[in-house]
């Protein structure tokens, strides 16, 4: 089983979101399929298992993007959509595992005390005191 980290998946989600926004501005109807793939991958990143993965993959395949030559316009778009299809199909079939994005615990506030008369600076925060 291949494991993808959340920062690798976040790159794909960000690129798909940017592509969907550009297609929406150009009034291209394929923006919805791209945005759905980004949303589906983002839900997977947060530990959910979306039920509509098959429909999202079918929507991406329906775009019927063809591979341009290596130095032509559209190569990144083709590779991005192909990678999204691969990730979603792999998760659906159980071949790819995307590590969930872990939430950081909230940091305790830090207070800085300055004695204006002596210039003493003291930092108070949580278990640490300096």
C-alpha atoms as a PDB file:
ATOM      1  CA  UNK A   1       0.000   0.000   0.000  1.00  0.00           C
ATOM      2  CA  UNK A   2       1.331   3.405  -0.978  1.00  0.00           C
ATOM      3  CA  UNK A   3       1.134   6.142   1.660  1.00  0.00           C
ATOM      4  CA  UNK A   4       0.675   9.815   0.818  1.00  0.00           C
ATOM      5  CA  UNK A   5       1.340  12.477   3.413  1.00  0.00           C
ATOM      6  CA  UNK A   6      -1.069  15.340   3.936  1.00  0.00           C
ATOM      7  CA  UNK A   7       1.328  17.959   2.519  1.00  0.00           C
ATOM      8  CA  UNK A   8       1.546  15.991  -0.742  1.00  0.00           C
ATOM      9  CA  UNK A   9      -2.214  15.771  -0.975  1.00  0.00           C
ATOM     10  CA  UNK A  10      -2.564  19.441   0.002  1.00  0.00           C
ATOM     11  CA  UNK A  11      -0.457  20.363  -3.047  1.00  0.00           C
ATOM     12  CA  UNK A  12      -2.889  18.524  -5.321  1.00  0.00           C
ATOM     13  CA  UNK A  13      -5.926  20.075  -3.593  1.00  0.00           C
ATOM     14  CA  UNK A  14      -4.504  23.598  -3.905  1.00  0.00           C
ATOM     15  CA  UNK A  15      -3.623  23.127  -7.567  1.00  0.00           C
ATOM     16  CA  UNK A  16      -7.069  21.677  -8.347  1.00  0.00           C
ATOM     17  CA  UNK A  17      -8.752  24.575  -6.547  1.00  0.00           C
ATOM     18  CA  UNK A  18      -6.714  27.141  -8.484  1.00  0.00           C
ATOM     19  CA  UNK A  19      -7.482  25.366 -11.759  1.00  0.00           C
ATOM     20  CA  UNK A  20     -11.209  25.262 -10.951  1.00  0.00           C
ATOM     21  CA  UNK A  21     -11.209  28.999 -10.194  1.00  0.00           C
ATOM     22  CA  UNK A  22      -9.482  29.763 -13.500  1.00  0.00           C
ATOM     23  CA  UNK A  23     -11.923  27.582 -15.425  1.00  0.00           C
ATOM     24  CA  UNK A  24     -14.855  29.248 -13.669  1.00  0.00           C
ATOM     25  CA  UNK A  25     -13.554  32.684 -14.640  1.00  0.00           C
ATOM     26  CA  UNK A  26     -13.219  31.465 -18.233  1.00  0.00           C
ATOM     27  CA  UNK A  27     -16.819  30.185 -18.022  1.00  0.00           C
ATOM     28  CA  UNK A  28     -15.726  26.634 -18.775  1.00  0.00           C
ATOM     29  CA  UNK A  29     -18.220  24.034 -17.550  1.00  0.00           C
ATOM     30  CA  UNK A  30     -15.549  21.569 -16.470  1.00  0.00           C
ATOM     31  CA  UNK A  31     -14.752  23.628 -13.370  1.00  0.00           C
ATOM     32  CA  UNK A  32     -17.340  21.687 -11.359  1.00  0.00           C
ATOM     33  CA  UNK A  33     -15.644  18.314 -11.904  1.00  0.00           C
ATOM     34  CA  UNK A  34     -12.263  19.762 -10.894  1.00  0.00           C
ATOM     35  CA  UNK A  35     -13.698  21.469  -7.795  1.00  0.00           C
ATOM     36  CA  UNK A  36     -15.507  18.265  -6.790  1.00  0.00           C
ATOM     37  CA  UNK A  37     -12.229  16.347  -6.946  1.00  0.00           C
ATOM     38  CA  UNK A  38     -10.529  18.969  -4.765  1.00  0.00           C
ATOM     39  CA  UNK A  39     -13.342  18.816  -2.214  1.00  0.00           C
ATOM     40  CA  UNK A  40     -13.310  15.019  -2.186  1.00  0.00           C
ATOM     41  CA  UNK A  41      -9.541  14.884  -1.628  1.00  0.00           C
ATOM     42  CA  UNK A  42      -9.834  17.467   1.125  1.00  0.00           C
ATOM     43  CA  UNK A  43     -12.466  15.400   2.925  1.00  0.00           C
ATOM     44  CA  UNK A  44     -10.177  12.373   2.682  1.00  0.00           C
ATOM     45  CA  UNK A  45      -7.354  14.441   4.160  1.00  0.00           C
ATOM     46  CA  UNK A  46      -9.478  15.176   7.224  1.00  0.00           C
ATOM     47  CA  UNK A  47     -10.191  11.490   7.818  1.00  0.00           C
ATOM     48  CA  UNK A  48     -13.616  11.191   6.200  1.00  0.00           C
ATOM     49  CA  UNK A  49     -14.497   8.525   3.644  1.00  0.00           C
ATOM     50  CA  UNK A  50     -16.714  10.180   1.003  1.00  0.00           C
ATOM     51  CA  UNK A  51     -19.329   7.985  -0.620  1.00  0.00           C
ATOM     52  CA  UNK A  52     -19.234   9.827  -3.949  1.00  0.00           C
ATOM     53  CA  UNK A  53     -15.647   8.992  -4.940  1.00  0.00           C
ATOM     54  CA  UNK A  54     -16.783   6.913  -7.932  1.00  0.00           C
ATOM     55  CA  UNK A  55     -18.950   9.738  -9.284  1.00  0.00           C
ATOM     56  CA  UNK A  56     -16.129  12.262  -8.876  1.00  0.00           C
ATOM     57  CA  UNK A  57     -13.716   9.989 -10.737  1.00  0.00           C
ATOM     58  CA  UNK A  58     -16.281   9.455 -13.501  1.00  0.00           C
ATOM     59  CA  UNK A  59     -16.657  13.235 -13.789  1.00  0.00           C
ATOM     60  CA  UNK A  60     -12.902  13.665 -14.153  1.00  0.00           C
ATOM     61  CA  UNK A  61     -12.687  10.882 -16.736  1.00  0.00           C
ATOM     62  CA  UNK A  62     -15.557  12.468 -18.668  1.00  0.00           C
ATOM     63  CA  UNK A  63     -13.334  15.486 -19.314  1.00  0.00           C
ATOM     64  CA  UNK A  64     -11.375  13.238 -21.707  1.00  0.00           C
ATOM     65  CA  UNK A  65      -8.141  15.177 -21.436  1.00  0.00           C
ATOM     66  CA  UNK A  66      -5.481  13.934 -23.815  1.00  0.00           C
ATOM     67  CA  UNK A  67      -1.760  14.036 -23.092  1.00  0.00           C
ATOM     68  CA  UNK A  68      -0.139  16.865 -25.063  1.00  0.00           C
ATOM     69  CA  UNK A  69       3.458  16.640 -26.138  1.00  0.00           C
ATOM     70  CA  UNK A  70       5.988  17.323 -23.359  1.00  0.00           C
ATOM     71  CA  UNK A  71       6.430  21.025 -24.046  1.00  0.00           C
ATOM     72  CA  UNK A  72       2.881  21.997 -24.972  1.00  0.00           C
ATOM     73  CA  UNK A  73       0.340  24.034 -23.032  1.00  0.00           C
ATOM     74  CA  UNK A  74      -1.943  21.930 -20.910  1.00  0.00           C
ATOM     75  CA  UNK A  75       0.644  19.394 -19.742  1.00  0.00           C
ATOM     76  CA  UNK A  76       0.326  20.441 -16.091  1.00  0.00           C
ATOM     77  CA  UNK A  77      -3.466  20.332 -16.293  1.00  0.00           C
ATOM     78  CA  UNK A  78      -3.356  16.835 -17.759  1.00  0.00           C
ATOM     79  CA  UNK A  79      -0.913  15.603 -15.112  1.00  0.00           C
ATOM     80  CA  UNK A  80      -2.910  17.225 -12.301  1.00  0.00           C
ATOM     81  CA  UNK A  81      -6.207  15.661 -13.355  1.00  0.00           C
ATOM     82  CA  UNK A  82      -4.497  12.320 -13.945  1.00  0.00           C
ATOM     83  CA  UNK A  83      -2.934  12.452 -10.465  1.00  0.00           C
ATOM     84  CA  UNK A  84      -6.308  13.301  -8.916  1.00  0.00           C
ATOM     85  CA  UNK A  85      -7.902  10.329 -10.692  1.00  0.00           C
ATOM     86  CA  UNK A  86      -5.082   8.068  -9.506  1.00  0.00           C
ATOM     87  CA  UNK A  87      -5.343   9.242  -5.896  1.00  0.00           C
ATOM     88  CA  UNK A  88      -9.127   8.934  -5.748  1.00  0.00           C
ATOM     89  CA  UNK A  89      -9.206   5.518  -7.459  1.00  0.00           C
ATOM     90  CA  UNK A  90      -6.396   4.286  -5.229  1.00  0.00           C
ATOM     91  CA  UNK A  91      -8.215   5.387  -2.073  1.00  0.00           C
ATOM     92  CA  UNK A  92     -11.464   3.848  -3.308  1.00  0.00           C
ATOM     93  CA  UNK A  93      -9.780   0.515  -4.060  1.00  0.00           C
ATOM     94  CA  UNK A  94      -7.728   0.558  -0.866  1.00  0.00           C
ATOM     95  CA  UNK A  95      -4.364   0.756  -2.650  1.00  0.00           C
ATOM     96  CA  UNK A  96      -3.444   4.249  -1.454  1.00  0.00           C
ATOM     97  CA  UNK A  97      -3.572   5.510   2.095  1.00  0.00           C
ATOM     98  CA  UNK A  98      -3.652   9.269   2.698  1.00  0.00           C
ATOM     99  CA  UNK A  99      -2.508  10.150   6.174  1.00  0.00           C
ATOM    100  CA  UNK A 100      -5.048  12.393   7.905  1.00  0.00           C
ATOM    101  CA  UNK A 101      -4.210  15.974   8.688  1.00  0.00           C
ATOM    102  CA  UNK A 102      -3.617  16.218  12.408  1.00  0.00           C
ATOM    103  CA  UNK A 103      -4.910  19.180  14.318  1.00  0.00           C
ATOM    104  CA  UNK A 104      -2.350  20.923  16.483  1.00  0.00           C
ATOM    105  CA  UNK A 105      -3.303  21.421  20.094  1.00  0.00           C
ATOM    106  CA  UNK A 106      -3.986  25.055  20.973  1.00  0.00           C
ATOM    107  CA  UNK A 107      -0.946  26.842  22.304  1.00  0.00           C
ATOM    108  CA  UNK A 108      -1.273  28.466  25.713  1.00  0.00           C
ATOM    109  CA  UNK A 109      -1.028  32.256  25.682  1.00  0.00           C
ATOM    110  CA  UNK A 110       2.269  33.890  26.560  1.00  0.00           C
ATOM    111  CA  UNK A 111       2.309  37.002  28.715  1.00  0.00           C
ATOM    112  CA  UNK A 112       5.239  39.383  28.793  1.00  0.00           C
ATOM    113  CA  UNK A 113       5.644  41.499  31.913  1.00  0.00           C
ATOM    114  CA  UNK A 114       7.910  44.543  31.736  1.00  0.00           C
ATOM    115  CA  UNK A 115       8.811  46.497  34.848  1.00  0.00           C
ATOM    116  CA  UNK A 116       9.236  50.038  33.522  1.00  0.00           C
ATOM    117  CA  UNK A 117      11.242  51.159  36.554  1.00  0.00           C
ATOM    118  CA  UNK A 118      13.963  48.510  36.454  1.00  0.00           C
ATOM    119  CA  UNK A 119      13.650  47.296  32.864  1.00  0.00           C
ATOM    120  CA  UNK A 120      13.073  43.719  34.038  1.00  0.00           C
ATOM    121  CA  UNK A 121      11.381  41.579  31.382  1.00  0.00           C
ATOM    122  CA  UNK A 122       9.644  38.403  32.501  1.00  0.00           C
ATOM    123  CA  UNK A 123       7.777  35.955  30.271  1.00  0.00           C
ATOM    124  CA  UNK A 124       4.913  33.910  31.721  1.00  0.00           C
ATOM    125  CA  UNK A 125       3.459  31.062  29.747  1.00  0.00           C
ATOM    126  CA  UNK A 126       2.065  27.678  30.658  1.00  0.00           C
ATOM    127  CA  UNK A 127       4.478  25.417  32.488  1.00  0.00           C
ATOM    128  CA  UNK A 128       7.460  27.545  31.558  1.00  0.00           C
ATOM    129  CA  UNK A 129       8.523  30.645  33.374  1.00  0.00           C
ATOM    130  CA  UNK A 130      11.580  32.635  32.364  1.00  0.00           C
END
